[in-house]
Amino acid sequence: FIYNRMILENALVRAAAADALARIALRCPSLRRDAALLLQFGQNDNDDEVRDRIGLYSTILDQCLDEKREDARLGFQTLMSPELPFSLDAMYDSLIEHLDSDKKDIVFDFAELPSENEYKAATKAQEALQPEKKKPGVPGQPAAKAAATSESQKAGAQQRASAASAELQRVLGEIVGEGELGPLQHTCKPKPLTESEAEYTVQVIKHMFKDHLVLEMHVSNTVSGITLENVEVRLTGMEPTWTEIGASGISKLEYSQGASAHAVLKKNGGEEVAGAVTGSIQATLKFIVKEEGDDLGYDDDYPVEAVHITTGDYMFPRALQQGQFKSVWEQLAAQGAEAMQKLSLNFKSLESAVEGIINTLNMEPCDKTGKVEAGVKGHTLLMSGTFLGGNTCLVRVLVGMDPQHGCLAKLSCRAKSQVVSDVVTRALM
C-alpha cells in the first residue's frame, strides 16, 4: 500500500508520503531501514520537489544507520521538527544584509540568528523609537495617494480587459469572420481543468454569445526542457446540443509559457430555455512533444476534465446600489414576469447553502445579504444579475434549516421574460 502511494499518486501526495516516512523513521529507529528502502523507490521521481525531499531524507537516514554518527541523529530530529530555532524573518533580513556587506565571502552563520520571540521583541522596540505616523487623511496627502493608487489600478484592469477583448475579436475574426457571432454578451471566470501541479495546466474561459459559445483553453507548460507544438483542442460529446464551426490552435509553447487555443460552438436550438443550453463536453489536448535537441518529437494526447456548461454561465453578476433591490423588484412585478420554486437542498448549514446558491446561479448578492448572521435559523438572500440577451434578473431566496427535512428553500425570480424566470428557478433542481 505504501509503495503504491509512493509511485501512483500525484506529486503532492508523493511528497507528503516522503515526509510521513521520514517522521516514522524518526520516531521508530527499528523501522529506519524499511523507511530508507521505501524512499529509494522514489529517487527517480519526475517531480523536482519529491526528488529533492527523498534525496535529503535518504542521505540523513543512511547517516543515522551508521552507529558512529550520533550528530546525524540530532540533525535528523531538528530537520523534522515543525519549529525552527530561529526567526525566518530574521534570516531573510540577515541574508540580505550579509550579501550587501563586504563579508559575503564568509560562510553565513545561522547560530547567530535570534529566535522568533527575540526578533519580535526587537522589532517592537525599534517601532517604538520611530516617530508617530500621521493618521490617514490628515492633512489629506496619504488619502490622496491611496485614491490615486486605486484609480491607477482600475485603469490598469480596464486596459488589460480591453486588450483581452481585442485579442479575442482578432482570433474569432480569423476563425469565423469578423462580426459573424454578434456582440459578446459576457465572459465567465476561468475554471481549471487540471490539477495545479500538473505537467501542463489548462483553464477554460467561456465567452458567451447569443447563439454561440467560445471555449478558450489557456494552456501553460510547466515542464523544463519540453516544448509543445501544434497544440489543438479536440471536443467530443457535443451532439446534438452543439456543433463546432471552427477552432484555433497554439503553434509553439515553450517552458514557462502560456497561450490559448479556441473552439467556436454553435447552439442547436435552445429557444425554449432562453438560449441557456447546458451539458458537459469532453476535452482532450493533442500536440507534439519535443525535448531539447529533438527535432522530430512525438505525438501525445492529454485528456483534461470535462467542460460543464451550466445555467449560471449564462448569467453575469450585476451589483445594485445599497437599498435599490426593493424598487427594482417592485418594478419587475409590474412590468415583468415571476416564477417560484420550493426546493429541498443538500446542504448541512445556512452558510454553505447561501454560498452554494450564489455560486450556482452566479449572481451578485444585494443589500449585504451574502453573509449569514450567527445563530439564526433562517435567512433571506437577495441577488441581481443580467441573463443572456441583456435580461435584468432578480432573485429572492428564503433559506431555512429544518431538523427533520434538512435545508429547505423558496426561490422567487423576477425578470422581463417568463422563460428566463422559469430557467433560473429550475437551475437548483
Foldseek 3Di string as FASTA:
>chain_A
DLLCQCPPDDPVSNQVSLLVLLVVCLVDVVCLVVSLVSLVVCCVPPDPNSNVSSVVSNVLSVLVVPPVRPVSSVVSVQVSDPAHQADPVQVVVVVVVCVPDPNVVDDDDPVPHHHPVVVVVVVVVVVVPDDDDDDDVVVYPNVVVVVVVVVVVVVVVVVVVVVVVVVVQVVVCVWPRHCPQPDWPDKDDWDWQDDPPDQKTWIWIWTDTQFKIKTKIKIAGARPQKKWAFKDKDKDPCPPFKDWRTKAGHGIHHHGDIDIIMIMIGGDDDVLQSSQDWDKIWMKIWTFMDGPPRPPGHIDIGTTHIDTRAQLRQKAADADPAPCQVVVVVVLVVQADKDKDKDQAPDQDPLVVLVVLCVLNVYAWHNPQSDDDPPDFKGWTWTWTAGHPRKTKIKIKIWGQDPVRGIIIMMMMGIRYPSNNVNSNPRRD
